[in-house]
N, C-alpha and C. Protein backbone atom coordinates (compact mmCIF):
# COMPACT_ATOMS: atom_id res chain seq x y z
N MET A 1 76.17 -9.25 44.90
CA MET A 1 77.58 -9.54 44.67
C MET A 1 78.42 -8.55 45.47
N SER A 2 79.36 -9.05 46.21
CA SER A 2 80.21 -8.23 47.07
C SER A 2 81.55 -7.99 46.39
N THR A 3 82.01 -6.75 46.42
CA THR A 3 83.32 -6.43 45.85
C THR A 3 84.24 -5.97 46.98
N LEU A 4 84.67 -6.92 47.78
CA LEU A 4 85.57 -6.59 48.88
C LEU A 4 87.02 -6.57 48.44
N GLY A 5 87.31 -7.06 47.25
CA GLY A 5 88.67 -7.16 46.78
C GLY A 5 89.21 -5.84 46.25
N LEU A 6 90.36 -5.94 45.68
CA LEU A 6 91.07 -4.79 45.14
C LEU A 6 90.57 -4.50 43.72
N PHE A 7 90.37 -3.26 43.37
CA PHE A 7 89.94 -2.82 42.04
C PHE A 7 88.59 -3.41 41.64
N GLY A 8 87.72 -3.64 42.61
CA GLY A 8 86.40 -4.17 42.31
C GLY A 8 86.38 -5.65 41.99
N LEU A 9 87.49 -6.35 42.22
CA LEU A 9 87.54 -7.78 41.97
C LEU A 9 87.09 -8.52 43.22
N GLY A 10 86.35 -9.59 43.05
CA GLY A 10 85.92 -10.40 44.17
C GLY A 10 87.02 -11.35 44.62
N SER A 11 86.75 -12.08 45.68
CA SER A 11 87.76 -12.98 46.23
C SER A 11 88.06 -14.13 45.27
N THR A 12 87.07 -14.60 44.54
CA THR A 12 87.30 -15.70 43.60
C THR A 12 88.25 -15.26 42.48
N GLU A 13 88.03 -14.07 41.96
CA GLU A 13 88.90 -13.56 40.90
C GLU A 13 90.32 -13.36 41.40
N MET A 14 90.44 -12.87 42.64
CA MET A 14 91.78 -12.66 43.21
C MET A 14 92.52 -13.99 43.37
N VAL A 15 91.82 -15.03 43.78
CA VAL A 15 92.44 -16.36 43.93
C VAL A 15 92.89 -16.90 42.58
N VAL A 16 92.06 -16.73 41.56
CA VAL A 16 92.41 -17.20 40.22
C VAL A 16 93.64 -16.45 39.70
N ILE A 17 93.68 -15.14 39.87
CA ILE A 17 94.82 -14.35 39.41
C ILE A 17 96.09 -14.76 40.16
N PHE A 18 95.98 -14.95 41.47
CA PHE A 18 97.14 -15.37 42.25
C PHE A 18 97.62 -16.76 41.81
N GLY A 19 96.68 -17.65 41.55
CA GLY A 19 97.05 -18.99 41.08
C GLY A 19 97.77 -18.95 39.74
N LEU A 20 97.29 -18.12 38.83
CA LEU A 20 97.97 -17.97 37.54
C LEU A 20 99.37 -17.38 37.71
N ALA A 21 99.51 -16.43 38.62
CA ALA A 21 100.83 -15.84 38.86
C ALA A 21 101.80 -16.88 39.40
N VAL A 22 101.33 -17.76 40.28
CA VAL A 22 102.19 -18.83 40.81
C VAL A 22 102.59 -19.77 39.70
N LEU A 23 101.66 -20.09 38.81
CA LEU A 23 101.99 -20.99 37.70
C LEU A 23 102.97 -20.35 36.73
N LEU A 24 102.81 -19.07 36.45
CA LEU A 24 103.67 -18.40 35.48
C LEU A 24 105.08 -18.13 36.02
N PHE A 25 105.16 -17.62 37.24
CA PHE A 25 106.45 -17.16 37.77
C PHE A 25 107.08 -18.14 38.74
N GLY A 26 106.31 -19.03 39.32
CA GLY A 26 106.84 -19.94 40.32
C GLY A 26 106.76 -19.30 41.70
N ALA A 27 106.56 -20.15 42.68
CA ALA A 27 106.37 -19.65 44.05
C ALA A 27 107.63 -18.97 44.59
N ALA A 28 108.79 -19.38 44.16
CA ALA A 28 110.04 -18.80 44.68
C ALA A 28 110.27 -17.38 44.16
N LYS A 29 109.79 -17.08 42.96
CA LYS A 29 110.02 -15.77 42.35
C LYS A 29 109.00 -14.71 42.76
N LEU A 30 107.85 -15.12 43.29
CA LEU A 30 106.80 -14.15 43.59
C LEU A 30 107.21 -13.10 44.62
N PRO A 31 107.86 -13.45 45.74
CA PRO A 31 108.27 -12.39 46.68
C PRO A 31 109.24 -11.39 46.06
N GLN A 32 110.16 -11.89 45.25
CA GLN A 32 111.12 -11.00 44.58
C GLN A 32 110.40 -10.10 43.58
N LEU A 33 109.44 -10.64 42.85
CA LEU A 33 108.68 -9.86 41.89
C LEU A 33 107.85 -8.79 42.59
N ALA A 34 107.20 -9.16 43.69
CA ALA A 34 106.39 -8.19 44.44
C ALA A 34 107.27 -7.08 45.03
N ARG A 35 108.45 -7.44 45.52
CA ARG A 35 109.37 -6.46 46.10
C ARG A 35 109.84 -5.47 45.04
N SER A 36 110.19 -5.97 43.86
CA SER A 36 110.67 -5.06 42.80
C SER A 36 109.53 -4.18 42.28
N MET A 37 108.31 -4.71 42.23
CA MET A 37 107.18 -3.87 41.82
C MET A 37 106.91 -2.78 42.85
N GLY A 38 107.03 -3.10 44.14
CA GLY A 38 106.84 -2.11 45.19
C GLY A 38 107.88 -1.01 45.11
N LYS A 39 109.14 -1.39 44.87
CA LYS A 39 110.20 -0.39 44.73
C LYS A 39 109.95 0.50 43.52
N SER A 40 109.49 -0.10 42.43
CA SER A 40 109.22 0.68 41.22
C SER A 40 108.09 1.68 41.46
N ILE A 41 107.06 1.25 42.14
CA ILE A 41 105.94 2.16 42.44
C ILE A 41 106.40 3.29 43.34
N ASN A 42 107.22 2.98 44.35
CA ASN A 42 107.73 4.04 45.24
C ASN A 42 108.61 5.03 44.48
N GLU A 43 109.46 4.55 43.59
CA GLU A 43 110.30 5.44 42.80
C GLU A 43 109.45 6.31 41.88
N PHE A 44 108.40 5.73 41.32
CA PHE A 44 107.51 6.50 40.46
C PHE A 44 106.82 7.60 41.24
N LYS A 45 106.32 7.27 42.43
CA LYS A 45 105.66 8.28 43.27
C LYS A 45 106.64 9.37 43.67
N LYS A 46 107.87 8.97 44.00
CA LYS A 46 108.90 9.94 44.39
C LYS A 46 109.22 10.88 43.22
N GLY A 47 109.33 10.33 42.03
CA GLY A 47 109.59 11.15 40.85
C GLY A 47 108.44 12.08 40.53
N MET A 48 107.23 11.61 40.71
CA MET A 48 106.07 12.46 40.46
C MET A 48 106.00 13.61 41.46
N SER A 49 106.31 13.34 42.72
CA SER A 49 106.27 14.41 43.72
C SER A 49 107.40 15.41 43.50
N GLU A 50 108.56 14.94 43.06
CA GLU A 50 109.66 15.86 42.77
C GLU A 50 109.37 16.68 41.52
N GLY A 51 108.70 16.09 40.55
CA GLY A 51 108.36 16.80 39.32
C GLY A 51 107.30 17.85 39.56
N ALA A 52 106.48 17.67 40.57
CA ALA A 52 105.40 18.61 40.86
C ALA A 52 105.92 19.85 41.58
N LYS A 53 107.08 19.74 42.22
CA LYS A 53 107.65 20.88 42.94
C LYS A 53 108.16 21.91 41.95
N GLU A 54 108.18 23.14 42.40
CA GLU A 54 108.70 24.21 41.57
C GLU A 54 110.23 24.12 41.56
N PRO A 55 110.86 24.18 40.39
CA PRO A 55 112.31 24.05 40.35
C PRO A 55 113.00 25.22 41.06
N GLU A 56 114.09 24.88 41.74
CA GLU A 56 114.87 25.91 42.43
C GLU A 56 115.68 26.69 41.42
N SER A 57 116.18 27.84 41.83
CA SER A 57 116.97 28.65 40.92
C SER A 57 118.24 27.90 40.53
N GLY A 58 118.46 27.77 39.23
CA GLY A 58 119.65 27.09 38.73
C GLY A 58 119.50 25.59 38.66
N ALA A 59 118.41 25.04 39.13
CA ALA A 59 118.24 23.60 39.13
C ALA A 59 118.03 23.08 37.71
N GLY A 60 117.40 23.86 36.84
CA GLY A 60 117.13 23.41 35.49
C GLY A 60 118.23 23.72 34.50
N GLU A 61 119.22 24.48 34.94
CA GLU A 61 120.30 24.87 34.04
C GLU A 61 121.31 23.74 33.91
N THR A 62 121.83 23.59 32.70
CA THR A 62 122.88 22.60 32.50
C THR A 62 124.23 23.25 32.78
N PRO A 63 125.13 22.53 33.43
CA PRO A 63 126.45 23.12 33.70
C PRO A 63 127.21 23.36 32.41
N LYS A 64 127.92 24.47 32.35
CA LYS A 64 128.69 24.81 31.17
C LYS A 64 130.09 24.24 31.30
N ALA A 65 130.60 23.79 30.18
CA ALA A 65 131.95 23.23 30.15
C ALA A 65 132.96 24.38 30.24
N PRO A 66 134.06 24.16 30.96
CA PRO A 66 135.06 25.23 31.05
C PRO A 66 135.72 25.48 29.70
N VAL A 67 136.01 26.76 29.45
CA VAL A 67 136.65 27.15 28.20
C VAL A 67 138.15 27.07 28.39
N PRO A 68 138.87 26.34 27.52
CA PRO A 68 140.32 26.24 27.68
C PRO A 68 140.98 27.58 27.40
N GLU A 69 142.00 27.90 28.19
CA GLU A 69 142.71 29.16 28.01
C GLU A 69 143.72 29.02 26.89
N LYS A 70 143.89 30.14 26.16
CA LYS A 70 144.87 30.15 25.08
C LYS A 70 146.24 30.46 25.63
N LYS A 71 147.25 29.72 25.19
CA LYS A 71 148.64 29.98 25.60
C LYS A 71 149.36 30.64 24.44
N ASP A 72 150.06 31.71 24.75
CA ASP A 72 150.80 32.42 23.70
C ASP A 72 152.23 32.00 23.67
């Protein structure tokens, strides 16, 4: 048995999954769905790489609200 597909799935399994996706979402929605999933994955990777960096000085501090001056 050959596992040339993605995640150890064979070509038959990939065709069945793709066919089910077409039935569930419709052929017109699939490109939009794939595009939004790709953007989500890229944003997740970007967030993970930013989270792994060491925070810069003052980057983790919350800005303080200005204190109103008293008028006499």
